[in-house]
C-alpha cells in the first residue's frame, strides 16, 4: 500500500480519489480499510524529515527558525506556475534554483499561510510544511541541505545581535523602526509585531536576510547612529535635582500653581520659567 503511494506520489498530487478507489477495490471490510489507512499514514510519517529526533530544526534556535520561515515563505513557488521560477510569493528570492522550486512545490504550502511573528508558531508551521507535504524523503533532505548550506553563510555575522543584546530593549525597538524604514523588502513588515520579543526577532531576521554585506554595513551604521542620537537627546532632556530656597508663602503659591496646571511642582516651575523666558527673551539676548 505504501509502495503504491510512494511510487505514484507526484501522479496523485491532489487526487485523493485515486487513493480512495484503490482502498475500496482492494480492501472490502471497514476494519481492513481502516487498518491499511493507518498503515499508510504510519509509513508516510516514517519518511518525513522533521520530527523531534531531527537536529536540523531546533525549537530553541529562534534565530534560525525565524530566518528559515521567511526564506521558505519567500521561495515557495506559485502552485499554478511551478515551472516558472519568477512566479513566487516574492520575487526578491534568496535562492534562484529551478530544481529547488519544483521540490518545494511538493511540500505543504498551506502550512505557511498563518500570519504570525511568534517563534513557536513559525516552528510549528515549518514542521507541518514538511510533515504534511508530499515530498519524498530524498527531496526533503535536498531542501534541508540547501537551507543549512545558506545558513552557514549567515550565522557567523552576529553584529546585529551584539548591538541589540540578548533580549528585547529600547534599543531593539529603535532598530526595528529604523530597519523597517530603510528596508527594500516591504513584504517582511506586513504583519505588525504584537510584542517587544516579536519586534526583536523581526529586526534580527530582517538583517540576516540581507545578502549584500555593504547594505548590511550601511544599515548597521544607520541604526547605531540613530541610537547615539537618541541617547544624546535623552541625556540633554534628562531632569536633574536642584536645591532652591523660598518662603513658606511662596511655596504655597507654587503648590497652587502646580494644582492648577495639573502637574508636579517641578513641572510648574519649568512652565513659569519657560513663559517668563519667552516674555523676556528679546531683552535677555540684547543684554
C-alpha atoms as a PDB file:
ATOM      1  CA  UNK A   1       0.000   0.000   0.000  1.00  0.00           C
ATOM      2  CA  UNK A   2       2.726   2.418   0.997  1.00  0.00           C
ATOM      3  CA  UNK A   3       4.728   1.361  -2.084  1.00  0.00           C
ATOM      4  CA  UNK A   4       1.736   2.199  -4.251  1.00  0.00           C
ATOM      5  CA  UNK A   5       1.560   5.732  -2.881  1.00  0.00           C
ATOM      6  CA  UNK A   6       5.306   6.371  -2.811  1.00  0.00           C
ATOM      7  CA  UNK A   7       5.801   5.201  -6.396  1.00  0.00           C
ATOM      8  CA  UNK A   8       2.963   7.406  -7.630  1.00  0.00           C
ATOM      9  CA  UNK A   9       3.447  10.388  -5.295  1.00  0.00           C
ATOM     10  CA  UNK A  10       3.708  13.009  -7.999  1.00  0.00           C
ATOM     11  CA  UNK A  11       0.937  11.455 -10.107  1.00  0.00           C
ATOM     12  CA  UNK A  12      -1.593  11.523  -7.276  1.00  0.00           C
ATOM     13  CA  UNK A  13      -0.839  15.049  -6.047  1.00  0.00           C
ATOM     14  CA  UNK A  14      -4.248  16.491  -5.272  1.00  0.00           C
ATOM     15  CA  UNK A  15      -6.058  13.338  -6.495  1.00  0.00           C
ATOM     16  CA  UNK A  16      -7.457  11.730  -3.371  1.00  0.00           C
ATOM     17  CA  UNK A  17      -9.989   9.788  -5.430  1.00  0.00           C
ATOM     18  CA  UNK A  18      -7.227   7.506  -6.733  1.00  0.00           C
ATOM     19  CA  UNK A  19      -6.231   6.528  -3.206  1.00  0.00           C
ATOM     20  CA  UNK A  20      -9.820   6.051  -2.057  1.00  0.00           C
ATOM     21  CA  UNK A  21     -10.660   3.945  -5.106  1.00  0.00           C
ATOM     22  CA  UNK A  22      -7.600   1.758  -4.569  1.00  0.00           C
ATOM     23  CA  UNK A  23      -8.598   1.164  -0.950  1.00  0.00           C
ATOM     24  CA  UNK A  24     -12.206   0.352  -1.819  1.00  0.00           C
ATOM     25  CA  UNK A  25     -11.225  -2.112  -4.567  1.00  0.00           C
ATOM     26  CA  UNK A  26      -8.623  -3.979  -2.574  1.00  0.00           C
ATOM     27  CA  UNK A  27      -9.957  -3.953   0.993  1.00  0.00           C
ATOM     28  CA  UNK A  28     -13.607  -4.919   1.337  1.00  0.00           C
ATOM     29  CA  UNK A  29     -14.268  -4.662   5.071  1.00  0.00           C
ATOM     30  CA  UNK A  30     -14.283  -1.428   7.024  1.00  0.00           C
ATOM     31  CA  UNK A  31     -11.770  -2.800   9.516  1.00  0.00           C
ATOM     32  CA  UNK A  32      -9.332  -3.728   6.723  1.00  0.00           C
ATOM     33  CA  UNK A  33      -9.671  -0.293   5.172  1.00  0.00           C
ATOM     34  CA  UNK A  34      -9.006   1.441   8.490  1.00  0.00           C
ATOM     35  CA  UNK A  35      -6.034  -0.808   9.155  1.00  0.00           C
ATOM     36  CA  UNK A  36      -4.498  -0.060   5.750  1.00  0.00           C
ATOM     37  CA  UNK A  37      -5.151   3.678   6.066  1.00  0.00           C
ATOM     38  CA  UNK A  38      -3.442   3.690   9.456  1.00  0.00           C
ATOM     39  CA  UNK A  39      -0.531   1.765   7.970  1.00  0.00           C
ATOM     40  CA  UNK A  40      -0.327   4.200   5.085  1.00  0.00           C
ATOM     41  CA  UNK A  41      -0.260   7.155   7.468  1.00  0.00           C
ATOM     42  CA  UNK A  42       2.408   5.453   9.587  1.00  0.00           C
ATOM     43  CA  UNK A  43       4.577   4.714   6.552  1.00  0.00           C
ATOM     44  CA  UNK A  44       4.180   8.276   5.371  1.00  0.00           C
ATOM     45  CA  UNK A  45       5.268   9.638   8.756  1.00  0.00           C
ATOM     46  CA  UNK A  46       8.344   7.424   8.680  1.00  0.00           C
ATOM     47  CA  UNK A  47       9.685   9.208   5.610  1.00  0.00           C
ATOM     48  CA  UNK A  48       9.335  12.758   6.922  1.00  0.00           C
ATOM     49  CA  UNK A  49      12.448  14.793   7.625  1.00  0.00           C
ATOM     50  CA  UNK A  50      11.011  16.735  10.547  1.00  0.00           C
ATOM     51  CA  UNK A  51      10.295  15.301  13.946  1.00  0.00           C
ATOM     52  CA  UNK A  52      11.581  15.604  17.497  1.00  0.00           C
ATOM     53  CA  UNK A  53      14.651  13.473  16.701  1.00  0.00           C
ATOM     54  CA  UNK A  54      15.875  15.691  13.865  1.00  0.00           C
ATOM     55  CA  UNK A  55      18.613  18.122  14.872  1.00  0.00           C
ATOM     56  CA  UNK A  56      18.443  20.469  11.901  1.00  0.00           C
ATOM     57  CA  UNK A  57      15.381  22.295  13.247  1.00  0.00           C
ATOM     58  CA  UNK A  58      15.988  23.092  16.910  1.00  0.00           C
ATOM     59  CA  UNK A  59      12.828  24.547  18.564  1.00  0.00           C
ATOM     60  CA  UNK A  60      15.100  26.611  20.829  1.00  0.00           C
ATOM     61  CA  UNK A  61      17.038  28.236  17.992  1.00  0.00           C
ATOM     62  CA  UNK A  62      14.800  31.265  17.492  1.00  0.00           C
ATOM     63  CA  UNK A  63      17.139  32.979  15.063  1.00  0.00           C
ATOM     64  CA  UNK A  64      17.342  30.011  12.689  1.00  0.00           C
ATOM     65  CA  UNK A  65      13.605  29.267  12.894  1.00  0.00           C
ATOM     66  CA  UNK A  66      12.642  32.849  12.065  1.00  0.00           C
ATOM     67  CA  UNK A  67      15.138  33.098   9.189  1.00  0.00           C
ATOM     68  CA  UNK A  68      14.180  29.681   7.742  1.00  0.00           C
ATOM     69  CA  UNK A  69      10.477  30.504   7.856  1.00  0.00           C
ATOM     70  CA  UNK A  70      10.954  33.728   5.900  1.00  0.00           C
ATOM     71  CA  UNK A  71      13.309  32.103   3.372  1.00  0.00           C
ATOM     72  CA  UNK A  72      10.923  29.234   2.629  1.00  0.00           C
ATOM     73  CA  UNK A  73       7.932  31.574   2.600  1.00  0.00           C
ATOM     74  CA  UNK A  74       9.745  33.708   0.048  1.00  0.00           C
ATOM     75  CA  UNK A  75      10.933  30.744  -2.011  1.00  0.00           C
ATOM     76  CA  UNK A  76       7.602  28.912  -2.212  1.00  0.00           C
ATOM     77  CA  UNK A  77       6.529  28.750  -5.873  1.00  0.00           C
ATOM     78  CA  UNK A  78       3.072  29.608  -7.119  1.00  0.00           C
ATOM     79  CA  UNK A  79       1.183  26.312  -7.439  1.00  0.00           C
ATOM     80  CA  UNK A  80      -0.094  27.437 -10.841  1.00  0.00           C
ATOM     81  CA  UNK A  81       3.405  28.237 -12.159  1.00  0.00           C
ATOM     82  CA  UNK A  82       5.656  25.563 -10.632  1.00  0.00           C
ATOM     83  CA  UNK A  83       7.972  25.527 -13.658  1.00  0.00           C
ATOM     84  CA  UNK A  84       8.299  29.321 -13.747  1.00  0.00           C
ATOM     85  CA  UNK A  85      10.966  30.426 -11.288  1.00  0.00           C
ATOM     86  CA  UNK A  86       9.718  34.024 -11.325  1.00  0.00           C
ATOM     87  CA  UNK A  87       6.248  33.154 -10.012  1.00  0.00           C
ATOM     88  CA  UNK A  88       6.877  33.025  -6.272  1.00  0.00           C
ATOM     89  CA  UNK A  89       5.459  34.609  -3.157  1.00  0.00           C
ATOM     90  CA  UNK A  90       8.077  37.324  -3.614  1.00  0.00           C
ATOM     91  CA  UNK A  91      10.471  37.957  -6.485  1.00  0.00           C
ATOM     92  CA  UNK A  92      13.374  39.093  -4.311  1.00  0.00           C
ATOM     93  CA  UNK A  93      14.347  35.496  -3.696  1.00  0.00           C
ATOM     94  CA  UNK A  94      17.332  34.221  -1.732  1.00  0.00           C
ATOM     95  CA  UNK A  95      17.793  31.015  -3.739  1.00  0.00           C
ATOM     96  CA  UNK A  96      17.310  31.093  -7.502  1.00  0.00           C
ATOM     97  CA  UNK A  97      17.133  27.389  -8.226  1.00  0.00           C
ATOM     98  CA  UNK A  98      14.585  25.863 -10.585  1.00  0.00           C
ATOM     99  CA  UNK A  99      15.139  22.338  -9.261  1.00  0.00           C
ATOM    100  CA  UNK A 100      14.622  23.566  -5.711  1.00  0.00           C
ATOM    101  CA  UNK A 101      11.395  25.317  -6.713  1.00  0.00           C
ATOM    102  CA  UNK A 102       9.977  22.032  -8.025  1.00  0.00           C
ATOM    103  CA  UNK A 103      10.895  20.214  -4.827  1.00  0.00           C
ATOM    104  CA  UNK A 104       9.412  22.979  -2.701  1.00  0.00           C
ATOM    105  CA  UNK A 105       6.147  22.613  -4.595  1.00  0.00           C
ATOM    106  CA  UNK A 106       5.859  19.102  -3.132  1.00  0.00           C
ATOM    107  CA  UNK A 107       5.781  20.427   0.439  1.00  0.00           C
ATOM    108  CA  UNK A 108       2.646  21.721   2.154  1.00  0.00           C
ATOM    109  CA  UNK A 109       2.447  25.455   1.262  1.00  0.00           C
ATOM    110  CA  UNK A 110      -0.723  25.936   3.330  1.00  0.00           C
ATOM    111  CA  UNK A 111       1.416  25.459   6.424  1.00  0.00           C
ATOM    112  CA  UNK A 112       2.953  28.913   5.883  1.00  0.00           C
ATOM    113  CA  UNK A 113      -0.350  30.736   5.419  1.00  0.00           C
ATOM    114  CA  UNK A 114      -0.730  31.750   9.073  1.00  0.00           C
ATOM    115  CA  UNK A 115       0.268  35.362   9.722  1.00  0.00           C
ATOM    116  CA  UNK A 116       2.253  35.229  12.934  1.00  0.00           C
ATOM    117  CA  UNK A 117       5.579  36.542  14.177  1.00  0.00           C
ATOM    118  CA  UNK A 118       5.706  34.223  17.197  1.00  0.00           C
ATOM    119  CA  UNK A 119       8.687  31.865  17.048  1.00  0.00           C
ATOM    120  CA  UNK A 120       6.606  28.989  18.420  1.00  0.00           C
ATOM    121  CA  UNK A 121       4.093  29.376  15.591  1.00  0.00           C
ATOM    122  CA  UNK A 122       6.826  29.553  12.966  1.00  0.00           C
ATOM    123  CA  UNK A 123       8.412  26.359  14.288  1.00  0.00           C
ATOM    124  CA  UNK A 124       5.087  24.501  14.146  1.00  0.00           C
ATOM    125  CA  UNK A 125       4.459  25.796  10.630  1.00  0.00           C
ATOM    126  CA  UNK A 126       7.855  24.553   9.449  1.00  0.00           C
ATOM    127  CA  UNK A 127       7.198  21.111  10.924  1.00  0.00           C
ATOM    128  CA  UNK A 128       3.832  20.984   9.185  1.00  0.00           C
ATOM    129  CA  UNK A 129       5.375  22.243   5.943  1.00  0.00           C
ATOM    130  CA  UNK A 130       7.474  19.080   5.712  1.00  0.00           C
ATOM    131  CA  UNK A 131       5.438  16.519   7.638  1.00  0.00           C
ATOM    132  CA  UNK A 132       2.158  17.149   5.811  1.00  0.00           C
ATOM    133  CA  UNK A 133       3.566  17.649   2.330  1.00  0.00           C
ATOM    134  CA  UNK A 134       4.137  15.136  -0.466  1.00  0.00           C
ATOM    135  CA  UNK A 135       7.886  15.492  -0.979  1.00  0.00           C
ATOM    136  CA  UNK A 136       9.912  12.295  -0.815  1.00  0.00           C
ATOM    137  CA  UNK A 137      12.432  11.847   1.953  1.00  0.00           C
ATOM    138  CA  UNK A 138      15.248  12.483  -0.547  1.00  0.00           C
ATOM    139  CA  UNK A 139      13.676  15.724  -1.759  1.00  0.00           C
ATOM    140  CA  UNK A 140      13.113  16.889   1.804  1.00  0.00           C
ATOM    141  CA  UNK A 141      16.802  16.278   2.515  1.00  0.00           C
ATOM    142  CA  UNK A 142      17.728  18.189  -0.631  1.00  0.00           C
ATOM    143  CA  UNK A 143      15.748  21.225   0.558  1.00  0.00           C
ATOM    144  CA  UNK A 144      17.132  20.990   4.095  1.00  0.00           C
ATOM    145  CA  UNK A 145      20.736  20.794   2.844  1.00  0.00           C
ATOM    146  CA  UNK A 146      20.182  23.886   0.675  1.00  0.00           C
ATOM    147  CA  UNK A 147      18.762  25.788   3.640  1.00  0.00           C
ATOM    148  CA  UNK A 148      21.535  24.728   6.021  1.00  0.00           C
ATOM    149  CA  UNK A 149      24.225  25.496   3.434  1.00  0.00           C
ATOM    150  CA  UNK A 150      22.916  29.025   3.014  1.00  0.00           C
ATOM    151  CA  UNK A 151      22.556  29.449   6.774  1.00  0.00           C
ATOM    152  CA  UNK A 152      26.287  28.759   7.201  1.00  0.00           C
ATOM    153  CA  UNK A 153      26.933  31.993   5.287  1.00  0.00           C
ATOM    154  CA  UNK A 154      24.613  33.920   7.583  1.00  0.00           C
ATOM    155  CA  UNK A 155      25.021  32.589  11.115  1.00  0.00           C
ATOM    156  CA  UNK A 156      28.561  33.875  11.785  1.00  0.00           C
ATOM    157  CA  UNK A 157      27.574  37.510  11.272  1.00  0.00           C
ATOM    158  CA  UNK A 158      26.405  38.386  14.787  1.00  0.00           C
ATOM    159  CA  UNK A 159      26.905  42.146  14.617  1.00  0.00           C
ATOM    160  CA  UNK A 160      23.216  42.976  14.943  1.00  0.00           C
ATOM    161  CA  UNK A 161      22.839  40.614  17.917  1.00  0.00           C
ATOM    162  CA  UNK A 162      25.900  42.053  19.657  1.00  0.00           C
ATOM    163  CA  UNK A 163      24.464  45.535  19.175  1.00  0.00           C
ATOM    164  CA  UNK A 164      20.936  44.689  20.317  1.00  0.00           C
ATOM    165  CA  UNK A 165      21.902  42.383  23.171  1.00  0.00           C
ATOM    166  CA  UNK A 166      20.339  39.033  24.021  1.00  0.00           C
ATOM    167  CA  UNK A 167      16.848  40.287  24.847  1.00  0.00           C
ATOM    168  CA  UNK A 168      14.356  42.959  23.726  1.00  0.00           C
ATOM    169  CA  UNK A 169      15.039  46.518  24.821  1.00  0.00           C
ATOM    170  CA  UNK A 170      14.525  50.138  23.845  1.00  0.00           C
ATOM    171  CA  UNK A 171      17.480  49.650  21.512  1.00  0.00           C
ATOM    172  CA  UNK A 172      15.781  46.828  19.572  1.00  0.00           C
ATOM    173  CA  UNK A 173      12.583  48.891  19.262  1.00  0.00           C
ATOM    174  CA  UNK A 174      14.531  51.741  17.676  1.00  0.00           C
ATOM    175  CA  UNK A 175      16.414  49.295  15.429  1.00  0.00           C
ATOM    176  CA  UNK A 176      13.149  47.745  14.222  1.00  0.00           C
ATOM    177  CA  UNK A 177      11.692  51.144  13.286  1.00  0.00           C
ATOM    178  CA  UNK A 178      14.900  52.105  11.504  1.00  0.00           C
ATOM    179  CA  UNK A 179      15.299  48.867   9.561  1.00  0.00           C
ATOM    180  CA  UNK A 180      11.612  48.951   8.598  1.00  0.00           C
ATOM    181  CA  UNK A 181      12.018  52.438   7.178  1.00  0.00           C
ATOM    182  CA  UNK A 182      15.165  51.603   5.210  1.00  0.00           C
ATOM    183  CA  UNK A 183      14.477  48.033   4.076  1.00  0.00           C
ATOM    184  CA  UNK A 184      13.677  47.328   0.429  1.00  0.00           C
ATOM    185  CA  UNK A 185      11.875  44.117   1.447  1.00  0.00           C
ATOM    186  CA  UNK A 186       8.470  45.606   2.303  1.00  0.00           C
ATOM    187  CA  UNK A 187       6.859  42.134   2.485  1.00  0.00           C
ATOM    188  CA  UNK A 188       8.816  41.439   5.680  1.00  0.00           C
ATOM    189  CA  UNK A 189       6.787  44.018   7.570  1.00  0.00           C
ATOM    190  CA  UNK A 190       3.225  43.196   6.555  1.00  0.00           C
ATOM    191  CA  UNK A 191       2.359  41.802   9.967  1.00  0.00           C
ATOM    192  CA  UNK A 192       2.836  44.225  12.856  1.00  0.00           C
ATOM    193  CA  UNK A 193       4.733  42.745  15.825  1.00  0.00           C
ATOM    194  CA  UNK A 194       2.492  42.227  18.850  1.00  0.00           C
ATOM    195  CA  UNK A 195       5.257  42.229  21.445  1.00  0.00           C
ATOM    196  CA  UNK A 196       8.788  43.505  22.062  1.00  0.00           C
ATOM    197  CA  UNK A 197      10.061  39.942  21.583  1.00  0.00           C
ATOM    198  CA  UNK A 198       8.486  39.673  18.134  1.00  0.00           C
ATOM    199  CA  UNK A 199       9.923  43.073  17.224  1.00  0.00           C
ATOM    200  CA  UNK A 200      13.351  41.934  18.449  1.00  0.00           C
ATOM    201  CA  UNK A 201      13.423  38.789  16.286  1.00  0.00           C
ATOM    202  CA  UNK A 202      11.919  40.590  13.292  1.00  0.00           C
ATOM    203  CA  UNK A 203      14.818  43.041  13.438  1.00  0.00           C
ATOM    204  CA  UNK A 204      17.436  40.272  13.576  1.00  0.00           C
ATOM    205  CA  UNK A 205      15.764  38.276  10.790  1.00  0.00           C
ATOM    206  CA  UNK A 206      15.464  41.328   8.536  1.00  0.00           C
ATOM    207  CA  UNK A 207      19.189  41.904   8.969  1.00  0.00           C
ATOM    208  CA  UNK A 208      20.043  38.229   8.383  1.00  0.00           C
ATOM    209  CA  UNK A 209      18.075  38.174   5.130  1.00  0.00           C
ATOM    210  CA  UNK A 210      20.236  40.896   3.576  1.00  0.00           C
ATOM    211  CA  UNK A 211      22.667  39.178   1.223  1.00  0.00           C
ATOM    212  CA  UNK A 212      24.766  42.236   0.400  1.00  0.00           C
ATOM    213  CA  UNK A 213      27.471  42.859   3.024  1.00  0.00           C
ATOM    214  CA  UNK A 214      27.733  46.537   2.083  1.00  0.00           C
ATOM    215  CA  UNK A 215      23.991  47.019   2.610  1.00  0.00           C
ATOM    216  CA  UNK A 216      24.353  45.345   5.987  1.00  0.00           C
ATOM    217  CA  UNK A 217      27.200  47.654   6.995  1.00  0.00           C
ATOM    218  CA  UNK A 218      25.266  50.722   5.819  1.00  0.00           C
ATOM    219  CA  UNK A 219      22.136  49.651   7.696  1.00  0.00           C
ATOM    220  CA  UNK A 220      24.022  48.860  10.893  1.00  0.00           C
ATOM    221  CA  UNK A 221      25.773  52.232  10.716  1.00  0.00           C
ATOM    222  CA  UNK A 222      22.401  53.992  10.366  1.00  0.00           C
ATOM    223  CA  UNK A 223      20.961  52.090  13.334  1.00  0.00           C
ATOM    224  CA  UNK A 224      23.967  52.822  15.554  1.00  0.00           C
ATOM    225  CA  UNK A 225      23.912  56.489  14.599  1.00  0.00           C
ATOM    226  CA  UNK A 226      20.191  56.755  15.373  1.00  0.00           C
ATOM    227  CA  UNK A 227      20.780  55.120  18.753  1.00  0.00           C
ATOM    228  CA  UNK A 228      23.618  57.534  19.571  1.00  0.00           C
ATOM    229  CA  UNK A 229      21.404  60.488  18.688  1.00  0.00           C
ATOM    230  CA  UNK A 230      18.607  59.147  20.872  1.00  0.00           C
ATOM    231  CA  UNK A 231      20.957  58.694  23.829  1.00  0.00           C
ATOM    232  CA  UNK A 232      22.263  62.250  23.380  1.00  0.00           C
ATOM    233  CA  UNK A 233      18.735  63.691  23.299  1.00  0.00           C
ATOM    234  CA  UNK A 234      17.734  61.710  26.363  1.00  0.00           C
ATOM    235  CA  UNK A 235      20.801  62.992  28.186  1.00  0.00           C
ATOM    236  CA  UNK A 236      20.059  66.582  27.191  1.00  0.00           C
ATOM    237  CA  UNK A 237      16.429  66.299  28.287  1.00  0.00           C
ATOM    238  CA  UNK A 238      17.116  64.398  31.490  1.00  0.00           C
ATOM    239  CA  UNK A 239      15.975  66.170  34.660  1.00  0.00           C
ATOM    240  CA  UNK A 240      18.479  66.956  37.404  1.00  0.00           C
ATOM    241  CA  UNK A 241      17.888  67.816  41.019  1.00  0.00           C
ATOM    242  CA  UNK A 242      18.483  71.451  42.111  1.00  0.00           C
ATOM    243  CA  UNK A 243      18.056  72.923  45.576  1.00  0.00           C
ATOM    244  CA  UNK A 244      16.394  76.351  45.903  1.00  0.00           C
ATOM    245  CA  UNK A 245      15.220  78.326  48.943  1.00  0.00           C
ATOM    246  CA  UNK A 246      11.834  80.048  49.211  1.00  0.00           C
ATOM    247  CA  UNK A 247       9.484  81.370  51.867  1.00  0.00           C
ATOM    248  CA  UNK A 248       6.518  79.257  53.015  1.00  0.00           C
ATOM    249  CA  UNK A 249       4.239  81.831  51.408  1.00  0.00           C
ATOM    250  CA  UNK A 250       5.971  81.397  48.031  1.00  0.00           C
ATOM    251  CA  UNK A 251       5.870  77.612  48.412  1.00  0.00           C
ATOM    252  CA  UNK A 252       2.114  77.778  48.997  1.00  0.00           C
ATOM    253  CA  UNK A 253       1.633  79.793  45.819  1.00  0.00           C
ATOM    254  CA  UNK A 254       3.779  77.319  43.908  1.00  0.00           C
ATOM    255  CA  UNK A 255       1.645  74.414  45.155  1.00  0.00           C
ATOM    256  CA  UNK A 256      -1.479  76.224  43.984  1.00  0.00           C
ATOM    257  CA  UNK A 257       0.032  76.785  40.535  1.00  0.00           C
ATOM    258  CA  UNK A 258       1.007  73.101  40.316  1.00  0.00           C
ATOM    259  CA  UNK A 259      -2.559  72.061  41.190  1.00  0.00           C
ATOM    260  CA  UNK A 260      -3.939  74.482  38.616  1.00  0.00           C
ATOM    261  CA  UNK A 261      -1.779  73.154  35.779  1.00  0.00           C
ATOM    262  CA  UNK A 262      -2.447  69.562  36.888  1.00  0.00           C
ATOM    263  CA  UNK A 263       1.219  68.698  37.324  1.00  0.00           C
ATOM    264  CA  UNK A 264       4.084  68.406  39.740  1.00  0.00           C
ATOM    265  CA  UNK A 265       5.930  71.322  41.345  1.00  0.00           C
ATOM    266  CA  UNK A 266       8.893  70.781  39.031  1.00  0.00           C
ATOM    267  CA  UNK A 267       6.537  70.994  36.035  1.00  0.00           C
ATOM    268  CA  UNK A 268       5.031  74.209  37.377  1.00  0.00           C
ATOM    269  CA  UNK A 269       8.473  75.763  37.854  1.00  0.00           C
ATOM    270  CA  UNK A 270       9.532  74.727  34.340  1.00  0.00           C
ATOM    271  CA  UNK A 271       6.349  76.233  32.906  1.00  0.00           C
ATOM    272  CA  UNK A 272       6.822  79.539  34.765  1.00  0.00           C
ATOM    273  CA  UNK A 273      10.458  79.760  33.657  1.00  0.00           C
ATOM    274  CA  UNK A 274       9.620  78.955  30.026  1.00  0.00           C
ATOM    275  CA  UNK A 275       6.806  81.528  29.903  1.00  0.00           C
ATOM    276  CA  UNK A 276       8.953  84.210  31.519  1.00  0.00           C
ATOM    277  CA  UNK A 277      11.843  83.428  29.211  1.00  0.00           C
ATOM    278  CA  UNK A 278       9.597  83.796  26.142  1.00  0.00           C
ATOM    279  CA  UNK A 279       8.393  87.135  27.507  1.00  0.00           C
ATOM    280  CA  UNK A 280      11.874  88.445  28.257  1.00  0.00           C
ATOM    281  CA  UNK A 281      13.977  86.688  25.597  1.00  0.00           C
ATOM    282  CA  UNK A 282      14.436  89.797  23.419  1.00  0.00           C
ATOM    283  CA  UNK A 283      15.789  91.752  26.394  1.00  0.00           C
ATOM    284  CA  UNK A 284      17.909  88.794  27.507  1.00  0.00           C
ATOM    285  CA  UNK A 285      19.526  88.466  24.074  1.00  0.00           C
ATOM    286  CA  UNK A 286      20.169  92.188  23.786  1.00  0.00           C
ATOM    287  CA  UNK A 287      21.895  92.147  27.159  1.00  0.00           C
END
